[in-house]
Amino acid sequence: EYRRMFQLWKEAGIMTYAGFIMGLPNDTPESIRRDIEIIKRE
């Protein structure tokens, strides 16, 4: 749902903030950076 959800808010002219929690049990610096780069692209 993520991509379409953000698009709908943008189509309405609204600025979006999103919370991102880091430090979950499976997180590493490498996996966190990978996730951030995916968010930036997609």
PDB file of all heavy atoms in Angstrom:
ATOM      1  N   GLU A   1       0.813  -1.218   0.000  1.00  0.00           N
ATOM      2  CA  GLU A   1       0.000   0.000   0.000  1.00  0.00           C
ATOM      3  C   GLU A   1       0.850   1.274   0.000  1.00  0.00           C
ATOM      4  O   GLU A   1       0.352   2.361  -0.301  1.00  0.00           O
ATOM      5  CB  GLU A   1      -0.899   0.035   1.253  1.00  0.00           C
ATOM      6  CG  GLU A   1      -1.870  -1.112   1.377  1.00  0.00           C
ATOM      7  CD  GLU A   1      -3.211  -0.803   0.738  1.00  0.00           C
ATOM      8  OE1 GLU A   1      -3.398   0.330   0.252  1.00  0.00           O
ATOM      9  OE2 GLU A   1      -4.049  -1.707   0.726  1.00  0.00           O
ATOM     10  N   TYR A   2       2.120   1.151   0.361  1.00  0.00           N
ATOM     11  CA  TYR A   2       2.915   2.324   0.666  1.00  0.00           C
ATOM     12  C   TYR A   2       2.977   3.332  -0.481  1.00  0.00           C
ATOM     13  O   TYR A   2       2.760   4.534  -0.287  1.00  0.00           O
ATOM     14  CB  TYR A   2       4.345   1.911   1.034  1.00  0.00           C
ATOM     15  CG  TYR A   2       4.529   1.394   2.445  1.00  0.00           C
ATOM     16  CD1 TYR A   2       5.789   0.977   2.885  1.00  0.00           C
ATOM     17  CD2 TYR A   2       3.473   1.317   3.349  1.00  0.00           C
ATOM     18  CE1 TYR A   2       5.991   0.501   4.178  1.00  0.00           C
ATOM     19  CE2 TYR A   2       3.665   0.838   4.638  1.00  0.00           C
ATOM     20  CZ  TYR A   2       4.925   0.429   5.048  1.00  0.00           C
ATOM     21  OH  TYR A   2       5.122  -0.032   6.329  1.00  0.00           O
ATOM     22  N   ARG A   3       3.323   2.859  -1.677  1.00  0.00           N
ATOM     23  CA  ARG A   3       3.592   3.808  -2.763  1.00  0.00           C
ATOM     24  C   ARG A   3       2.335   4.577  -3.160  1.00  0.00           C
ATOM     25  O   ARG A   3       2.345   5.806  -3.296  1.00  0.00           O
ATOM     26  CB  ARG A   3       4.188   3.076  -3.975  1.00  0.00           C
ATOM     27  CG  ARG A   3       4.900   4.018  -4.951  1.00  0.00           C
ATOM     28  CD  ARG A   3       5.923   3.273  -5.773  1.00  0.00           C
ATOM     29  NE  ARG A   3       5.317   2.483  -6.810  1.00  0.00           N
ATOM     30  CZ  ARG A   3       5.047   2.926  -8.048  1.00  0.00           C
ATOM     31  NH1 ARG A   3       5.335   4.168  -8.381  1.00  0.00           N
ATOM     32  NH2 ARG A   3       4.508   2.133  -8.937  1.00  0.00           N
ATOM     33  N   ARG A   4       1.230   3.865  -3.325  1.00  0.00           N
ATOM     34  CA  ARG A   4      -0.015   4.530  -3.705  1.00  0.00           C
ATOM     35  C   ARG A   4      -0.509   5.431  -2.582  1.00  0.00           C
ATOM     36  O   ARG A   4      -1.061   6.512  -2.833  1.00  0.00           O
ATOM     37  CB  ARG A   4      -1.082   3.493  -4.070  1.00  0.00           C
ATOM     38  CG  ARG A   4      -2.398   4.106  -4.548  1.00  0.00           C
ATOM     39  CD  ARG A   4      -2.178   5.032  -5.732  1.00  0.00           C
ATOM     40  NE  ARG A   4      -3.393   5.707  -6.172  1.00  0.00           N
ATOM     41  CZ  ARG A   4      -3.413   6.909  -6.732  1.00  0.00           C
ATOM     42  NH1 ARG A   4      -2.277   7.574  -6.919  1.00  0.00           N
ATOM     43  NH2 ARG A   4      -4.546   7.462  -7.111  1.00  0.00           N
ATOM     44  N   MET A   5      -0.300   5.019  -1.344  1.00  0.00           N
ATOM     45  CA  MET A   5      -0.727   5.824  -0.203  1.00  0.00           C
ATOM     46  C   MET A   5      -0.057   7.189  -0.225  1.00  0.00           C
ATOM     47  O   MET A   5      -0.715   8.231  -0.125  1.00  0.00           O
ATOM     48  CB  MET A   5      -0.408   5.079   1.096  1.00  0.00           C
ATOM     49  CG  MET A   5      -0.689   5.835   2.370  1.00  0.00           C
ATOM     50  SD  MET A   5       0.774   6.684   3.030  1.00  0.00           S
ATOM     51  CE  MET A   5       1.832   5.304   3.449  1.00  0.00           C
ATOM     52  N   PHE A   6       1.266   7.208  -0.376  1.00  0.00           N
ATOM     53  CA  PHE A   6       1.971   8.487  -0.421  1.00  0.00           C
ATOM     54  C   PHE A   6       1.559   9.311  -1.639  1.00  0.00           C
ATOM     55  O   PHE A   6       1.442  10.538  -1.555  1.00  0.00           O
ATOM     56  CB  PHE A   6       3.484   8.263  -0.428  1.00  0.00           C
ATOM     57  CG  PHE A   6       4.054   7.925   0.923  1.00  0.00           C
ATOM     58  CD1 PHE A   6       4.668   6.701   1.154  1.00  0.00           C
ATOM     59  CD2 PHE A   6       3.988   8.829   1.974  1.00  0.00           C
ATOM     60  CE1 PHE A   6       5.196   6.386   2.396  1.00  0.00           C
ATOM     61  CE2 PHE A   6       4.502   8.525   3.221  1.00  0.00           C
ATOM     62  CZ  PHE A   6       5.117   7.297   3.431  1.00  0.00           C
ATOM     63  N   GLN A   7       1.332   8.652  -2.768  1.00  0.00           N
ATOM     64  CA  GLN A   7       0.922   9.378  -3.967  1.00  0.00           C
ATOM     65  C   GLN A   7      -0.409  10.100  -3.766  1.00  0.00           C
ATOM     66  O   GLN A   7      -0.589  11.240  -4.210  1.00  0.00           O
ATOM     67  CB  GLN A   7       0.826   8.421  -5.163  1.00  0.00           C
ATOM     68  CG  GLN A   7       2.174   7.945  -5.676  1.00  0.00           C
ATOM     69  CD  GLN A   7       2.046   6.998  -6.849  1.00  0.00           C
ATOM     70  OE1 GLN A   7       0.945   6.678  -7.297  1.00  0.00           O
ATOM     71  NE2 GLN A   7       3.177   6.528  -7.364  1.00  0.00           N
ATOM     72  N   LEU A   8      -1.354   9.455  -3.089  1.00  0.00           N
ATOM     73  CA  LEU A   8      -2.665  10.076  -2.870  1.00  0.00           C
ATOM     74  C   LEU A   8      -2.539  11.346  -2.018  1.00  0.00           C
ATOM     75  O   LEU A   8      -3.213  12.349  -2.285  1.00  0.00           O
ATOM     76  CB  LEU A   8      -3.614   9.078  -2.202  1.00  0.00           C
ATOM     77  CG  LEU A   8      -4.164   7.974  -3.107  1.00  0.00           C
ATOM     78  CD1 LEU A   8      -4.894   6.926  -2.278  1.00  0.00           C
ATOM     79  CD2 LEU A   8      -5.109   8.561  -4.147  1.00  0.00           C
ATOM     80  N   TRP A   9      -1.697  11.298  -0.995  1.00  0.00           N
ATOM     81  CA  TRP A   9      -1.510  12.490  -0.179  1.00  0.00           C
ATOM     82  C   TRP A   9      -0.839  13.598  -0.979  1.00  0.00           C
ATOM     83  O   TRP A   9      -1.188  14.774  -0.844  1.00  0.00           O
ATOM     84  CB  TRP A   9      -0.686  12.154   1.071  1.00  0.00           C
ATOM     85  CG  TRP A   9      -1.476  11.400   2.103  1.00  0.00           C
ATOM     86  CD1 TRP A   9      -1.359  10.093   2.452  1.00  0.00           C
ATOM     87  CD2 TRP A   9      -2.550  11.918   2.904  1.00  0.00           C
ATOM     88  NE1 TRP A   9      -2.275   9.757   3.420  1.00  0.00           N
ATOM     89  CE2 TRP A   9      -3.013  10.855   3.717  1.00  0.00           C
ATOM     90  CE3 TRP A   9      -3.152  13.166   3.013  1.00  0.00           C
ATOM     91  CZ2 TRP A   9      -4.057  11.018   4.630  1.00  0.00           C
ATOM     92  CZ3 TRP A   9      -4.192  13.331   3.924  1.00  0.00           C
ATOM     93  CH2 TRP A   9      -4.629  12.267   4.720  1.00  0.00           C
ATOM     94  N   LYS A  10       0.118  13.226  -1.825  1.00  0.00           N
ATOM     95  CA  LYS A  10       0.776  14.245  -2.636  1.00  0.00           C
ATOM     96  C   LYS A  10      -0.180  14.838  -3.671  1.00  0.00           C
ATOM     97  O   LYS A  10      -0.144  16.042  -3.948  1.00  0.00           O
ATOM     98  CB  LYS A  10       2.017  13.667  -3.333  1.00  0.00           C
ATOM     99  CG  LYS A  10       3.122  13.193  -2.408  1.00  0.00           C
ATOM    100  CD  LYS A  10       3.507  14.237  -1.374  1.00  0.00           C
ATOM    101  CE  LYS A  10       3.964  15.535  -1.976  1.00  0.00           C
ATOM    102  NZ  LYS A  10       4.251  16.558  -0.948  1.00  0.00           N
ATOM    103  N   GLU A  11      -1.033  14.019  -4.265  1.00  0.00           N
ATOM    104  CA  GLU A  11      -2.007  14.514  -5.238  1.00  0.00           C
ATOM    105  C   GLU A  11      -2.971  15.511  -4.597  1.00  0.00           C
ATOM    106  O   GLU A  11      -3.530  16.378  -5.284  1.00  0.00           O
ATOM    107  CB  GLU A  11      -2.775  13.339  -5.852  1.00  0.00           C
ATOM    108  CG  GLU A  11      -1.918  12.493  -6.792  1.00  0.00           C
ATOM    109  CD  GLU A  11      -2.566  11.160  -7.139  1.00  0.00           C
ATOM    110  OE1 GLU A  11      -3.755  10.956  -6.760  1.00  0.00           O
ATOM    111  OE2 GLU A  11      -1.901  10.315  -7.764  1.00  0.00           O
ATOM    112  N   ALA A  12      -3.161  15.389  -3.299  1.00  0.00           N
ATOM    113  CA  ALA A  12      -4.026  16.332  -2.571  1.00  0.00           C
ATOM    114  C   ALA A  12      -3.285  17.602  -2.167  1.00  0.00           C
ATOM    115  O   ALA A  12      -3.873  18.495  -1.540  1.00  0.00           O
ATOM    116  CB  ALA A  12      -4.614  15.646  -1.343  1.00  0.00           C
ATOM    117  N   GLY A  13      -1.998  17.688  -2.482  1.00  0.00           N
ATOM    118  CA  GLY A  13      -1.230  18.887  -2.177  1.00  0.00           C
ATOM    119  C   GLY A  13      -0.702  18.958  -0.756  1.00  0.00           C
ATOM    120  O   GLY A  13      -0.397  20.042  -0.252  1.00  0.00           O
ATOM    121  N   ILE A  14      -0.575  17.809  -0.116  1.00  0.00           N
ATOM    122  CA  ILE A  14      -0.218  17.752   1.305  1.00  0.00           C
ATOM    123  C   ILE A  14       1.205  17.237   1.474  1.00  0.00           C
ATOM    124  O   ILE A  14       1.616  16.275   0.826  1.00  0.00           O
ATOM    125  CB  ILE A  14      -1.230  16.863   2.060  1.00  0.00           C
ATOM    126  CG1 ILE A  14      -2.607  17.541   2.055  1.00  0.00           C
ATOM    127  CG2 ILE A  14      -0.772  16.585   3.487  1.00  0.00           C
ATOM    128  CD1 ILE A  14      -3.721  16.695   2.603  1.00  0.00           C
ATOM    129  N   MET A  15       1.960  17.888   2.356  1.00  0.00           N
ATOM    130  CA  MET A  15       3.326  17.462   2.644  1.00  0.00           C
ATOM    131  C   MET A  15       3.297  16.282   3.620  1.00  0.00           C
ATOM    132  O   MET A  15       2.507  16.270   4.572  1.00  0.00           O
ATOM    133  CB  MET A  15       4.137  18.613   3.250  1.00  0.00           C
ATOM    134  CG  MET A  15       4.218  19.851   2.369  1.00  0.00           C
ATOM    135  SD  MET A  15       4.985  19.530   0.761  1.00  0.00           S
ATOM    136  CE  MET A  15       6.693  19.228   1.255  1.00  0.00           C
ATOM    137  N   THR A  16       4.186  15.318   3.375  1.00  0.00           N
ATOM    138  CA  THR A  16       4.167  14.087   4.162  1.00  0.00           C
ATOM    139  C   THR A  16       5.443  13.945   4.988  1.00  0.00           C
ATOM    140  O   THR A  16       6.558  14.108   4.489  1.00  0.00           O
ATOM    141  CB  THR A  16       4.026  12.852   3.256  1.00  0.00           C
ATOM    142  OG1 THR A  16       5.084  12.839   2.288  1.00  0.00           O
ATOM    143  CG2 THR A  16       2.692  12.866   2.533  1.00  0.00           C
ATOM    144  N   TYR A  17       5.251  13.674   6.266  1.00  0.00           N
ATOM    145  CA  TYR A  17       6.330  13.216   7.136  1.00  0.00           C
ATOM    146  C   TYR A  17       6.080  11.722   7.377  1.00  0.00           C
ATOM    147  O   TYR A  17       4.925  11.275   7.402  1.00  0.00           O
ATOM    148  CB  TYR A  17       6.280  13.850   8.518  1.00  0.00           C
ATOM    149  CG  TYR A  17       6.328  15.339   8.638  1.00  0.00           C
ATOM    150  CD1 TYR A  17       5.204  16.114   8.418  1.00  0.00           C
ATOM    151  CD2 TYR A  17       7.491  15.969   9.048  1.00  0.00           C
ATOM    152  CE1 TYR A  17       5.236  17.491   8.593  1.00  0.00           C
ATOM    153  CE2 TYR A  17       7.544  17.343   9.230  1.00  0.00           C
ATOM    154  CZ  TYR A  17       6.407  18.097   8.999  1.00  0.00           C
ATOM    155  OH  TYR A  17       6.439  19.454   9.185  1.00  0.00           O
ATOM    156  N   ALA A  18       7.128  10.978   7.610  1.00  0.00           N
ATOM    157  CA  ALA A  18       6.945   9.587   8.016  1.00  0.00           C
ATOM    158  C   ALA A  18       7.960   9.249   9.093  1.00  0.00           C
ATOM    159  O   ALA A  18       9.123   9.661   9.019  1.00  0.00           O
ATOM    160  CB  ALA A  18       7.099   8.637   6.830  1.00  0.00           C
ATOM    161  N   GLY A  19       7.506   8.524  10.096  1.00  0.00           N
ATOM    162  CA  GLY A  19       8.423   8.052  11.118  1.00  0.00           C
ATOM    163  C   GLY A  19       9.138   6.800  10.650  1.00  0.00           C
ATOM    164  O   GLY A  19       8.558   5.963   9.960  1.00  0.00           O
ATOM    165  N   PHE A  20      10.404   6.679  11.012  1.00  0.00           N
ATOM    166  CA  PHE A  20      11.197   5.491  10.684  1.00  0.00           C
ATOM    167  C   PHE A  20      11.965   5.106  11.937  1.00  0.00           C
ATOM    168  O   PHE A  20      12.759   5.890  12.458  1.00  0.00           O
ATOM    169  CB  PHE A  20      12.161   5.783   9.529  1.00  0.00           C
ATOM    170  CG  PHE A  20      12.901   4.566   9.025  1.00  0.00           C
ATOM    171  CD1 PHE A  20      12.464   3.888   7.897  1.00  0.00           C
ATOM    172  CD2 PHE A  20      14.042   4.102   9.680  1.00  0.00           C
ATOM    173  CE1 PHE A  20      13.151   2.771   7.431  1.00  0.00           C
ATOM    174  CE2 PHE A  20      14.722   2.980   9.228  1.00  0.00           C
ATOM    175  CZ  PHE A  20      14.281   2.318   8.089  1.00  0.00           C
ATOM    176  N   ILE A  21      11.714   3.894  12.438  1.00  0.00           N
ATOM    177  CA  ILE A  21      12.358   3.411  13.653  1.00  0.00           C
ATOM    178  C   ILE A  21      13.531   2.512  13.280  1.00  0.00           C
ATOM    179  O   ILE A  21      13.360   1.561  12.511  1.00  0.00           O
ATOM    180  CB  ILE A  21      11.361   2.652  14.543  1.00  0.00           C
ATOM    181  CG1 ILE A  21      10.223   3.593  14.985  1.00  0.00           C
ATOM    182  CG2 ILE A  21      12.057   2.064  15.761  1.00  0.00           C
ATOM    183  CD1 ILE A  21       9.137   2.903  15.782  1.00  0.00           C
ATOM    184  N   MET A  22      14.697   2.809  13.807  1.00  0.00           N
ATOM    185  CA  MET A  22      15.870   1.976  13.539  1.00  0.00           C
ATOM    186  C   MET A  22      16.358   1.345  14.836  1.00  0.00           C
ATOM    187  O   MET A  22      16.162   1.886  15.927  1.00  0.00           O
ATOM    188  CB  MET A  22      16.972   2.791  12.869  1.00  0.00           C
ATOM    189  CG  MET A  22      17.416   4.036  13.608  1.00  0.00           C
ATOM    190  SD  MET A  22      18.699   3.745  14.857  1.00  0.00           S
ATOM    191  CE  MET A  22      20.089   3.367  13.823  1.00  0.00           C
ATOM    192  N   GLY A  23      16.959   0.160  14.690  1.00  0.00           N
ATOM    193  CA  GLY A  23      17.451  -0.565  15.858  1.00  0.00           C
ATOM    194  C   GLY A  23      16.623  -1.785  16.193  1.00  0.00           C
ATOM    195  O   GLY A  23      16.702  -2.309  17.303  1.00  0.00           O
ATOM    196  N   LEU A  24      15.820  -2.257  15.201  1.00  0.00           N
ATOM    197  CA  LEU A  24      15.080  -3.508  15.397  1.00  0.00           C
ATOM    198  C   LEU A  24      16.072  -4.669  15.464  1.00  0.00           C
ATOM    199  O   LEU A  24      17.215  -4.537  15.010  1.00  0.00           O
ATOM    200  CB  LEU A  24      14.079  -3.703  14.274  1.00  0.00           C
ATOM    201  CG  LEU A  24      12.695  -3.013  14.395  1.00  0.00           C
ATOM    202  CD1 LEU A  24      11.925  -3.555  15.581  1.00  0.00           C
ATOM    203  CD2 LEU A  24      12.831  -1.510  14.481  1.00  0.00           C
ATOM    204  N   PRO A  25      15.680  -5.820  16.010  1.00  0.00           N
ATOM    205  CA  PRO A  25      16.646  -6.905  16.252  1.00  0.00           C
ATOM    206  C   PRO A  25      17.463  -7.327  15.036  1.00  0.00           C
ATOM    207  O   PRO A  25      18.635  -7.692  15.188  1.00  0.00           O
ATOM    208  CB  PRO A  25      15.752  -8.052  16.748  1.00  0.00           C
ATOM    209  CG  PRO A  25      14.621  -7.365  17.413  1.00  0.00           C
ATOM    210  CD  PRO A  25      14.361  -6.134  16.592  1.00  0.00           C
ATOM    211  N   ASN A  26      16.884  -7.283  13.830  1.00  0.00           N
ATOM    212  CA  ASN A  26      17.618  -7.725  12.646  1.00  0.00           C
ATOM    213  C   ASN A  26      18.356  -6.600  11.929  1.00  0.00           C
ATOM    214  O   ASN A  26      18.982  -6.829  10.889  1.00  0.00           O
ATOM    215  CB  ASN A  26      16.661  -8.404  11.654  1.00  0.00           C
ATOM    216  CG  ASN A  26      16.106  -9.699  12.197  1.00  0.00           C
ATOM    217  OD1 ASN A  26      16.828 -10.482  12.817  1.00  0.00           O
ATOM    218  ND2 ASN A  26      14.826  -9.942  11.986  1.00  0.00           N
ATOM    219  N   ASP A  27      18.282  -5.389  12.461  1.00  0.00           N
ATOM    220  CA  ASP A  27      18.917  -4.247  11.806  1.00  0.00           C
ATOM    221  C   ASP A  27      20.439  -4.286  11.943  1.00  0.00           C
ATOM    222  O   ASP A  27      20.978  -4.648  12.999  1.00  0.00           O
ATOM    223  CB  ASP A  27      18.407  -2.935  12.412  1.00  0.00           C
ATOM    224  CG  ASP A  27      17.062  -2.509  11.850  1.00  0.00           C
ATOM    225  OD1 ASP A  27      16.638  -3.068  10.828  1.00  0.00           O
ATOM    226  OD2 ASP A  27      16.437  -1.602  12.441  1.00  0.00           O
ATOM    227  N   THR A  28      21.099  -3.882  10.884  1.00  0.00           N
ATOM    228  CA  THR A  28      22.532  -3.609  10.884  1.00  0.00           C
ATOM    229  C   THR A  28      22.724  -2.282  10.159  1.00  0.00           C
ATOM    230  O   THR A  28      21.813  -1.825   9.448  1.00  0.00           O
ATOM    231  CB  THR A  28      23.322  -4.702  10.161  1.00  0.00           C
ATOM    232  OG1 THR A  28      22.943  -4.708   8.777  1.00  0.00           O
ATOM    233  CG2 THR A  28      23.058  -6.081  10.770  1.00  0.00           C
ATOM    234  N   PRO A  29      23.881  -1.654  10.268  1.00  0.00           N
ATOM    235  CA  PRO A  29      24.096  -0.431   9.491  1.00  0.00           C
ATOM    236  C   PRO A  29      23.875  -0.645   7.994  1.00  0.00           C
ATOM    237  O   PRO A  29      23.303   0.221   7.316  1.00  0.00           O
ATOM    238  CB  PRO A  29      25.550  -0.076   9.804  1.00  0.00           C
ATOM    239  CG  PRO A  29      25.793  -0.648  11.158  1.00  0.00           C
ATOM    240  CD  PRO A  29      24.996  -1.915  11.191  1.00  0.00           C
ATOM    241  N   GLU A  30      24.275  -1.809   7.509  1.00  0.00           N
ATOM    242  CA  GLU A  30      24.138  -2.090   6.082  1.00  0.00           C
ATOM    243  C   GLU A  30      22.677  -2.253   5.681  1.00  0.00           C
ATOM    244  O   GLU A  30      22.233  -1.725   4.656  1.00  0.00           O
ATOM    245  CB  GLU A  30      24.929  -3.358   5.712  1.00  0.00           C
ATOM    246  CG  GLU A  30      26.431  -3.241   5.858  1.00  0.00           C
ATOM    247  CD  GLU A  30      26.902  -3.275   7.322  1.00  0.00           C
ATOM    248  OE1 GLU A  30      26.151  -3.813   8.172  1.00  0.00           O
ATOM    249  OE2 GLU A  30      28.014  -2.768   7.599  1.00  0.00           O
ATOM    250  N   SER A  31      21.901  -2.978   6.503  1.00  0.00           N
ATOM    251  CA  SER A  31      20.492  -3.201   6.140  1.00  0.00           C
ATOM    252  C   SER A  31      19.694  -1.906   6.255  1.00  0.00           C
ATOM    253  O   SER A  31      18.790  -1.650   5.458  1.00  0.00           O
ATOM    254  CB  SER A  31      19.882  -4.287   7.034  1.00  0.00           C
ATOM    255  OG  SER A  31      19.722  -3.835   8.375  1.00  0.00           O
ATOM    256  N   ILE A  32      20.036  -1.085   7.233  1.00  0.00           N
ATOM    257  CA  ILE A  32      19.335   0.193   7.388  1.00  0.00           C
ATOM    258  C   ILE A  32      19.611   1.096   6.194  1.00  0.00           C
ATOM    259  O   ILE A  32      18.687   1.708   5.629  1.00  0.00           O
ATOM    260  CB  ILE A  32      19.748   0.876   8.707  1.00  0.00           C
ATOM    261  CG1 ILE A  32      19.257   0.062   9.910  1.00  0.00           C
ATOM    262  CG2 ILE A  32      19.197   2.298   8.779  1.00  0.00           C
ATOM    263  CD1 ILE A  32      19.825   0.514  11.234  1.00  0.00           C
ATOM    264  N   ARG A  33      20.873   1.171   5.787  1.00  0.00           N
ATOM    265  CA  ARG A  33      21.208   2.024   4.638  1.00  0.00           C
ATOM    266  C   ARG A  33      20.538   1.508   3.364  1.00  0.00           C
ATOM    267  O   ARG A  33      20.048   2.296   2.555  1.00  0.00           O
ATOM    268  CB  ARG A  33      22.716   2.113   4.448  1.00  0.00           C
ATOM    269  CG  ARG A  33      23.100   3.092   3.338  1.00  0.00           C
ATOM    270  CD  ARG A  33      24.513   3.576   3.450  1.00  0.00           C
ATOM    271  NE  ARG A  33      24.717   4.754   2.618  1.00  0.00           N
ATOM    272  CZ  ARG A  33      25.830   5.469   2.588  1.00  0.00           C
ATOM    273  NH1 ARG A  33      26.845   5.122   3.366  1.00  0.00           N
ATOM    274  NH2 ARG A  33      25.937   6.521   1.806  1.00  0.00           N
ATOM    275  N   ARG A  34      20.500   0.189   3.218  1.00  0.00           N
ATOM    276  CA  ARG A  34      19.799  -0.389   2.058  1.00  0.00           C
ATOM    277  C   ARG A  34      18.338   0.040   2.041  1.00  0.00           C
ATOM    278  O   ARG A  34      17.810   0.455   0.991  1.00  0.00           O
ATOM    279  CB  ARG A  34      19.893  -1.923   2.130  1.00  0.00           C
ATOM    280  CG  ARG A  34      19.090  -2.673   1.074  1.00  0.00           C
ATOM    281  CD  ARG A  34      18.741  -4.069   1.560  1.00  0.00           C
ATOM    282  NE  ARG A  34      17.876  -4.025   2.743  1.00  0.00           N
ATOM    283  CZ  ARG A  34      17.646  -5.070   3.544  1.00  0.00           C
ATOM    284  NH1 ARG A  34      18.242  -6.231   3.310  1.00  0.00           N
ATOM    285  NH2 ARG A  34      16.836  -4.951   4.582  1.00  0.00           N
ATOM    286  N   ASP A  35      17.674  -0.034   3.189  1.00  0.00           N
ATOM    287  CA  ASP A  35      16.257   0.338   3.254  1.00  0.00           C
ATOM    288  C   ASP A  35      16.048   1.813   2.926  1.00  0.00           C
ATOM    289  O   ASP A  35      15.078   2.176   2.243  1.00  0.00           O
ATOM    290  CB  ASP A  35      15.696   0.025   4.645  1.00  0.00           C
ATOM    291  CG  ASP A  35      15.619  -1.470   4.924  1.00  0.00           C
ATOM    292  OD1 ASP A  35      15.886  -2.259   3.997  1.00  0.00           O
ATOM    293  OD2 ASP A  35      15.313  -1.845   6.067  1.00  0.00           O
ATOM    294  N   ILE A  36      16.954   2.664   3.404  1.00  0.00           N
ATOM    295  CA  ILE A  36      16.822   4.102   3.134  1.00  0.00           C
ATOM    296  C   ILE A  36      16.958   4.371   1.634  1.00  0.00           C
ATOM    297  O   ILE A  36      16.202   5.168   1.060  1.00  0.00           O
ATOM    298  CB  ILE A  36      17.871   4.898   3.933  1.00  0.00           C
ATOM    299  CG1 ILE A  36      17.596   4.791   5.432  1.00  0.00           C
ATOM    300  CG2 ILE A  36      17.881   6.363   3.499  1.00  0.00           C
ATOM    301  CD1 ILE A  36      16.215   5.251   5.852  1.00  0.00           C
ATOM    302  N   GLU A  37      17.897   3.708   0.985  1.00  0.00           N
ATOM    303  CA  GLU A  37      18.077   3.926  -0.452  1.00  0.00           C
ATOM    304  C   GLU A  37      16.852   3.451  -1.236  1.00  0.00           C
ATOM    305  O   GLU A  37      16.460   4.071  -2.229  1.00  0.00           O
ATOM    306  CB  GLU A  37      19.338   3.199  -0.937  1.00  0.00           C
ATOM    307  CG  GLU A  37      20.638   3.748  -0.361  1.00  0.00           C
ATOM    308  CD  GLU A  37      20.831   5.227  -0.645  1.00  0.00           C
ATOM    309  OE1 GLU A  37      20.470   5.687  -1.753  1.00  0.00           O
ATOM    310  OE2 GLU A  37      21.321   5.944   0.261  1.00  0.00           O
ATOM    311  N   ILE A  38      16.228   2.375  -0.790  1.00  0.00           N
ATOM    312  CA  ILE A  38      15.011   1.892  -1.453  1.00  0.00           C
ATOM    313  C   ILE A  38      13.879   2.896  -1.291  1.00  0.00           C
ATOM    314  O   ILE A  38      13.140   3.195  -2.244  1.00  0.00           O
ATOM    315  CB  ILE A  38      14.612   0.508  -0.898  1.00  0.00           C
ATOM    316  CG1 ILE A  38      15.634  -0.555  -1.332  1.00  0.00           C
ATOM    317  CG2 ILE A  38      13.205   0.117  -1.383  1.00  0.00           C
ATOM    318  CD1 ILE A  38      15.399  -1.919  -0.695  1.00  0.00           C
ATOM    319  N   ILE A  39      13.733   3.421  -0.099  1.00  0.00           N
ATOM    320  CA  ILE A  39      12.694   4.428   0.135  1.00  0.00           C
ATOM    321  C   ILE A  39      12.906   5.623  -0.782  1.00  0.00           C
ATOM    322  O   ILE A  39      11.958   6.143  -1.396  1.00  0.00           O
ATOM    323  CB  ILE A  39      12.691   4.872   1.613  1.00  0.00           C
ATOM    324  CG1 ILE A  39      12.186   3.738   2.507  1.00  0.00           C
ATOM    325  CG2 ILE A  39      11.820   6.122   1.804  1.00  0.00           C
ATOM    326  CD1 ILE A  39      12.311   4.015   3.994  1.00  0.00           C
ATOM    327  N   LYS A  40      14.132   6.075  -0.899  1.00  0.00           N
ATOM    328  CA  LYS A  40      14.430   7.237  -1.738  1.00  0.00           C
ATOM    329  C   LYS A  40      14.043   6.988  -3.196  1.00  0.00           C
ATOM    330  O   LYS A  40      13.548   7.892  -3.879  1.00  0.00           O
ATOM    331  CB  LYS A  40      15.918   7.592  -1.636  1.00  0.00           C
ATOM    332  CG  LYS A  40      16.295   8.214  -0.301  1.00  0.00           C
ATOM    333  CD  LYS A  40      17.782   8.126  -0.008  1.00  0.00           C
ATOM    334  CE  LYS A  40      18.623   8.928  -0.957  1.00  0.00           C
ATOM    335  NZ  LYS A  40      20.054   8.925  -0.562  1.00  0.00           N
ATOM    336  N   ARG A  41      14.239   5.780  -3.652  1.00  0.00           N
ATOM    337  CA  ARG A  41      13.947   5.467  -5.058  1.00  0.00           C
ATOM    338  C   ARG A  41      12.470   5.166  -5.307  1.00  0.00           C
ATOM    339  O   ARG A  41      11.935   5.527  -6.365  1.00  0.00           O
ATOM    340  CB  ARG A  41      14.782   4.269  -5.517  1.00  0.00           C
ATOM    341  CG  ARG A  41      16.253   4.551  -5.722  1.00  0.00           C
ATOM    342  CD  ARG A  41      16.935   3.396  -6.433  1.00  0.00           C
ATOM    343  NE  ARG A  41      16.920   2.171  -5.640  1.00  0.00           N
ATOM    344  CZ  ARG A  41      17.859   1.816  -4.770  1.00  0.00           C
ATOM    345  NH1 ARG A  41      18.898   2.631  -4.561  1.00  0.00           N
ATOM    346  NH2 ARG A  41      17.793   0.677  -4.102  1.00  0.00           N
ATOM    347  N   GLU A  42      11.815   4.496  -4.360  1.00  0.00           N
ATOM    348  CA  GLU A  42      10.525   3.894  -4.670  1.00  0.00           C
ATOM    349  C   GLU A  42       9.318   4.544  -3.994  1.00  0.00           C
ATOM    350  O   GLU A  42       8.183   4.304  -4.433  1.00  0.00           O
ATOM    351  CB  GLU A  42      10.549   2.396  -4.322  1.00  0.00           C
ATOM    352  CG  GLU A  42      11.562   1.623  -5.151  1.00  0.00           C
ATOM    353  CD  GLU A  42      11.483   0.120  -4.947  1.00  0.00           C
ATOM    354  OE1 GLU A  42      10.791  -0.330  -4.008  1.00  0.00           O
ATOM    355  OE2 GLU A  42      12.114  -0.613  -5.729  1.00  0.00           O
TER     356      GLU A  42
END
